[in-house]
N, C-alpha and C. Protein backbone atom coordinates (compact mmCIF):
# COMPACT_ATOMS: atom_id res chain seq x y z
N UNK A 1 0.84 -1.18 0.00
CA UNK A 1 0.00 0.00 0.00
C UNK A 1 0.89 1.24 0.00
N UNK A 2 0.54 2.21 -0.77
CA UNK A 2 1.29 3.46 -0.82
C UNK A 2 0.41 4.59 -0.29
N UNK A 3 1.07 5.66 0.07
CA UNK A 3 0.39 6.82 0.61
C UNK A 3 0.93 8.07 -0.08
N UNK A 4 0.12 9.07 -0.18
CA UNK A 4 0.52 10.30 -0.84
C UNK A 4 0.98 11.31 0.20
N UNK A 5 2.05 12.04 -0.13
CA UNK A 5 2.58 13.09 0.73
C UNK A 5 2.46 14.40 -0.02
N UNK A 6 1.94 15.40 0.65
CA UNK A 6 1.81 16.72 0.05
C UNK A 6 2.70 17.67 0.85
N UNK A 7 3.55 18.41 0.14
CA UNK A 7 4.40 19.35 0.84
C UNK A 7 4.49 20.64 0.05
N UNK A 8 4.77 21.70 0.77
CA UNK A 8 4.92 23.00 0.12
C UNK A 8 6.41 23.25 -0.04
N UNK A 9 6.78 23.71 -1.23
CA UNK A 9 8.19 23.95 -1.54
C UNK A 9 8.27 25.18 -2.44
N UNK A 10 9.33 25.92 -2.32
CA UNK A 10 9.54 27.10 -3.14
C UNK A 10 9.57 26.69 -4.62
N UNK A 11 8.87 27.42 -5.47
CA UNK A 11 8.74 27.05 -6.88
C UNK A 11 10.10 26.99 -7.57
N UNK A 12 10.98 27.94 -7.29
CA UNK A 12 12.30 27.92 -7.94
C UNK A 12 13.08 26.68 -7.53
N UNK A 13 13.01 26.32 -6.26
CA UNK A 13 13.71 25.13 -5.77
C UNK A 13 13.12 23.87 -6.41
N UNK A 14 11.80 23.82 -6.50
CA UNK A 14 11.13 22.67 -7.13
C UNK A 14 11.54 22.54 -8.59
N UNK A 15 11.54 23.65 -9.31
CA UNK A 15 11.91 23.62 -10.73
C UNK A 15 13.35 23.15 -10.92
N UNK A 16 14.25 23.61 -10.06
CA UNK A 16 15.65 23.18 -10.15
C UNK A 16 15.78 21.69 -9.84
N UNK A 17 15.03 21.23 -8.84
CA UNK A 17 15.08 19.81 -8.47
C UNK A 17 14.53 18.94 -9.60
N UNK A 18 13.45 19.37 -10.23
CA UNK A 18 12.86 18.62 -11.34
C UNK A 18 13.86 18.55 -12.49
N UNK A 19 14.47 19.68 -12.80
CA UNK A 19 15.43 19.73 -13.90
C UNK A 19 16.62 18.80 -13.63
N UNK A 20 17.15 18.85 -12.42
CA UNK A 20 18.29 18.00 -12.07
C UNK A 20 17.89 16.53 -12.13
N UNK A 21 16.73 16.20 -11.60
CA UNK A 21 16.27 14.81 -11.62
C UNK A 21 16.08 14.33 -13.06
N UNK A 22 15.52 15.18 -13.90
CA UNK A 22 15.32 14.81 -15.31
C UNK A 22 16.65 14.59 -16.01
N UNK A 23 17.65 15.41 -15.68
CA UNK A 23 18.98 15.23 -16.28
C UNK A 23 19.58 13.88 -15.89
N UNK A 24 19.17 13.36 -14.74
CA UNK A 24 19.66 12.06 -14.29
C UNK A 24 18.70 10.93 -14.67
N UNK A 25 17.66 11.28 -15.42
CA UNK A 25 16.73 10.27 -15.91
C UNK A 25 15.72 9.79 -14.88
N UNK A 26 15.44 10.63 -13.91
CA UNK A 26 14.50 10.24 -12.86
C UNK A 26 13.41 11.28 -12.70
N UNK A 27 12.22 10.83 -12.32
CA UNK A 27 11.21 11.82 -11.94
C UNK A 27 11.52 12.31 -10.52
N UNK A 28 11.07 13.49 -10.20
CA UNK A 28 11.32 14.05 -8.87
C UNK A 28 10.73 13.15 -7.78
N UNK A 29 9.61 12.53 -8.04
CA UNK A 29 8.99 11.64 -7.06
C UNK A 29 9.93 10.50 -6.68
N UNK A 30 10.69 9.98 -7.65
CA UNK A 30 11.63 8.90 -7.36
C UNK A 30 12.77 9.41 -6.47
N UNK A 31 13.23 10.62 -6.74
CA UNK A 31 14.29 11.20 -5.92
C UNK A 31 13.80 11.37 -4.48
N UNK A 32 12.59 11.88 -4.32
CA UNK A 32 12.04 12.06 -2.98
C UNK A 32 11.83 10.73 -2.28
N UNK A 33 11.39 9.71 -3.01
CA UNK A 33 11.21 8.39 -2.43
C UNK A 33 12.55 7.81 -1.98
N UNK A 34 13.57 7.92 -2.85
CA UNK A 34 14.90 7.42 -2.49
C UNK A 34 15.48 8.18 -1.28
N UNK A 35 15.27 9.48 -1.25
CA UNK A 35 15.76 10.27 -0.12
C UNK A 35 15.04 9.88 1.17
N UNK A 36 13.76 9.62 1.09
CA UNK A 36 13.00 9.20 2.26
C UNK A 36 13.48 7.85 2.77
N UNK A 37 13.71 6.91 1.84
CA UNK A 37 14.21 5.59 2.24
C UNK A 37 15.59 5.71 2.87
N UNK A 38 16.46 6.52 2.28
CA UNK A 38 17.81 6.70 2.82
C UNK A 38 17.75 7.33 4.22
N UNK A 39 16.85 8.27 4.42
CA UNK A 39 16.70 8.91 5.72
C UNK A 39 16.25 7.90 6.77
N UNK A 40 15.25 7.09 6.43
CA UNK A 40 14.74 6.09 7.36
C UNK A 40 15.80 5.04 7.66
N UNK A 41 16.59 4.65 6.66
CA UNK A 41 17.64 3.63 6.85
C UNK A 41 18.88 4.18 7.55
N UNK A 42 18.92 5.48 7.78
CA UNK A 42 20.07 6.08 8.45
C UNK A 42 21.21 6.43 7.50
N UNK A 43 20.96 6.37 6.19
CA UNK A 43 22.00 6.69 5.21
C UNK A 43 21.99 8.16 4.81
N UNK A 44 21.01 8.90 5.25
CA UNK A 44 20.91 10.33 4.96
C UNK A 44 20.87 11.06 6.29
N UNK A 45 21.92 11.79 6.57
CA UNK A 45 22.04 12.49 7.85
C UNK A 45 21.75 13.97 7.63
N UNK A 46 20.74 14.46 8.30
CA UNK A 46 20.37 15.86 8.19
C UNK A 46 20.72 16.54 9.50
N UNK A 47 21.64 17.50 9.44
CA UNK A 47 22.06 18.20 10.64
C UNK A 47 21.56 19.63 10.58
N UNK A 48 20.50 19.87 11.31
CA UNK A 48 19.92 21.20 11.32
C UNK A 48 20.56 22.09 12.38
N UNK A 49 21.19 21.48 13.35
CA UNK A 49 21.84 22.24 14.42
C UNK A 49 23.30 22.41 14.05
N UNK A 50 23.72 23.64 13.95
CA UNK A 50 25.12 23.88 13.62
C UNK A 50 25.96 23.76 14.87
N UNK A 51 27.13 23.22 14.72
CA UNK A 51 28.03 23.07 15.85
C UNK A 51 28.80 24.37 16.04
N UNK A 52 28.90 24.77 17.29
CA UNK A 52 29.63 26.00 17.60
C UNK A 52 31.13 25.73 17.51
N UNK A 53 31.84 26.73 17.06
CA UNK A 53 33.30 26.65 17.03
C UNK A 53 33.81 26.94 18.44
N UNK A 54 34.80 26.16 18.85
CA UNK A 54 35.38 26.37 20.17
C UNK A 54 36.36 27.54 20.14
N UNK A 55 36.39 28.27 21.24
CA UNK A 55 37.39 29.32 21.34
C UNK A 55 38.74 28.66 21.59
N UNK A 56 39.80 29.39 21.34
CA UNK A 56 41.14 28.84 21.53
C UNK A 56 41.34 28.41 22.99
N UNK A 57 40.83 29.21 23.92
CA UNK A 57 40.98 28.89 25.34
C UNK A 57 40.25 27.59 25.69
N UNK A 58 39.02 27.45 25.22
CA UNK A 58 38.24 26.23 25.50
C UNK A 58 38.90 25.02 24.86
N UNK A 59 39.39 25.18 23.64
CA UNK A 59 40.07 24.08 22.96
C UNK A 59 41.29 23.61 23.75
N UNK A 60 42.07 24.57 24.26
CA UNK A 60 43.26 24.24 25.07
C UNK A 60 42.86 23.53 26.35
N UNK A 61 41.80 24.00 27.00
CA UNK A 61 41.35 23.36 28.23
C UNK A 61 40.91 21.92 27.97
N UNK A 62 40.16 21.71 26.89
CA UNK A 62 39.72 20.36 26.54
C UNK A 62 40.89 19.45 26.18
N UNK A 63 41.89 19.99 25.51
CA UNK A 63 43.07 19.20 25.18
C UNK A 63 43.82 18.80 26.45
N UNK A 64 43.92 19.72 27.41
CA UNK A 64 44.58 19.41 28.67
C UNK A 64 43.80 18.34 29.44
N UNK A 65 42.49 18.47 29.47
CA UNK A 65 41.65 17.49 30.16
C UNK A 65 41.81 16.12 29.50
N UNK A 66 41.80 16.08 28.17
CA UNK A 66 41.97 14.81 27.46
C UNK A 66 43.31 14.18 27.76
N UNK A 67 44.34 15.01 27.82
CA UNK A 67 45.69 14.52 28.14
C UNK A 67 45.72 13.94 29.55
N UNK A 68 45.12 14.67 30.50
CA UNK A 68 45.05 14.18 31.88
C UNK A 68 44.32 12.84 31.95
N UNK A 69 43.24 12.70 31.23
CA UNK A 69 42.48 11.45 31.24
C UNK A 69 43.33 10.31 30.69
N UNK A 70 44.02 10.56 29.58
CA UNK A 70 44.88 9.52 29.00
C UNK A 70 45.98 9.09 29.97
N UNK A 71 46.46 10.05 30.77
CA UNK A 71 47.54 9.77 31.72
C UNK A 71 47.00 9.32 33.09
N UNK A 72 45.69 9.29 33.24
CA UNK A 72 45.10 8.87 34.50
C UNK A 72 45.23 9.89 35.62
N UNK A 73 45.41 11.15 35.27
CA UNK A 73 45.58 12.22 36.25
C UNK A 73 44.25 12.94 36.49
N UNK A 74 44.13 13.50 37.70
CA UNK A 74 42.97 14.31 38.07
C UNK A 74 41.64 13.58 37.89
N UNK A 75 41.64 12.30 38.20
CA UNK A 75 40.43 11.49 38.09
C UNK A 75 40.09 10.93 39.46
N UNK A 76 38.80 10.77 39.71
CA UNK A 76 38.41 10.12 40.95
C UNK A 76 38.58 8.62 40.77
N UNK A 77 38.74 7.90 41.88
CA UNK A 77 38.85 6.45 41.76
C UNK A 77 37.49 5.84 41.42
N UNK A 78 37.47 4.60 40.97
CA UNK A 78 36.19 3.95 40.70
C UNK A 78 35.48 3.60 42.02
N UNK A 79 34.16 3.59 41.98
CA UNK A 79 33.37 3.30 43.17
C UNK A 79 32.45 2.12 42.90
N UNK A 80 32.21 1.34 43.95
CA UNK A 80 31.29 0.21 43.85
C UNK A 80 29.87 0.60 44.22
N UNK A 81 29.74 1.72 44.95
CA UNK A 81 28.40 2.14 45.37
C UNK A 81 28.38 3.66 45.55
N UNK A 82 27.18 4.18 45.65
CA UNK A 82 27.00 5.63 45.76
C UNK A 82 27.51 6.17 47.09
N UNK A 83 27.39 5.37 48.14
CA UNK A 83 27.83 5.82 49.46
C UNK A 83 29.32 6.16 49.44
N UNK A 84 30.13 5.31 48.83
CA UNK A 84 31.56 5.57 48.73
C UNK A 84 31.85 6.81 47.89
N UNK A 85 31.08 6.99 46.82
CA UNK A 85 31.28 8.15 45.95
C UNK A 85 30.98 9.44 46.70
N UNK A 86 29.90 9.46 47.46
CA UNK A 86 29.53 10.65 48.23
C UNK A 86 30.59 10.93 49.30
N UNK A 87 31.07 9.88 49.96
CA UNK A 87 32.11 10.05 50.98
C UNK A 87 33.37 10.64 50.35
N UNK A 88 33.72 10.19 49.15
CA UNK A 88 34.89 10.72 48.45
C UNK A 88 34.72 12.20 48.16
N UNK A 89 33.52 12.58 47.73
CA UNK A 89 33.25 13.98 47.40
C UNK A 89 33.30 14.87 48.63
N UNK A 90 32.94 14.34 49.78
CA UNK A 90 32.91 15.13 51.02
C UNK A 90 34.28 15.22 51.67
N UNK A 91 35.22 14.41 51.23
CA UNK A 91 36.57 14.42 51.82
C UNK A 91 37.30 15.69 51.40
N UNK A 92 37.81 16.47 52.38
CA UNK A 92 38.56 17.68 52.01
C UNK A 92 39.89 17.31 51.35
N UNK A 93 40.32 18.13 50.43
CA UNK A 93 41.60 17.92 49.73
C UNK A 93 42.48 19.11 49.91
């Protein structure tokens, strides 16, 4: 069973998409169907949220933290239960 999808799109964008699809020998509907399948299958990644660029200072801090982690520095010990973790946090240093 198939279903119809109706969407609003800018006419210039639609015309360009139709022209490009025709140049590749496809109807626009096929392109949209393939894009929908790829999106559902996880092969089409749409990132609407832009990633912020880190400042030089933040980048340096993160690099230092990563280095410390690799070297096992400035880390709390592992805990078997929450009581031990809370006691560790309450211990003055």
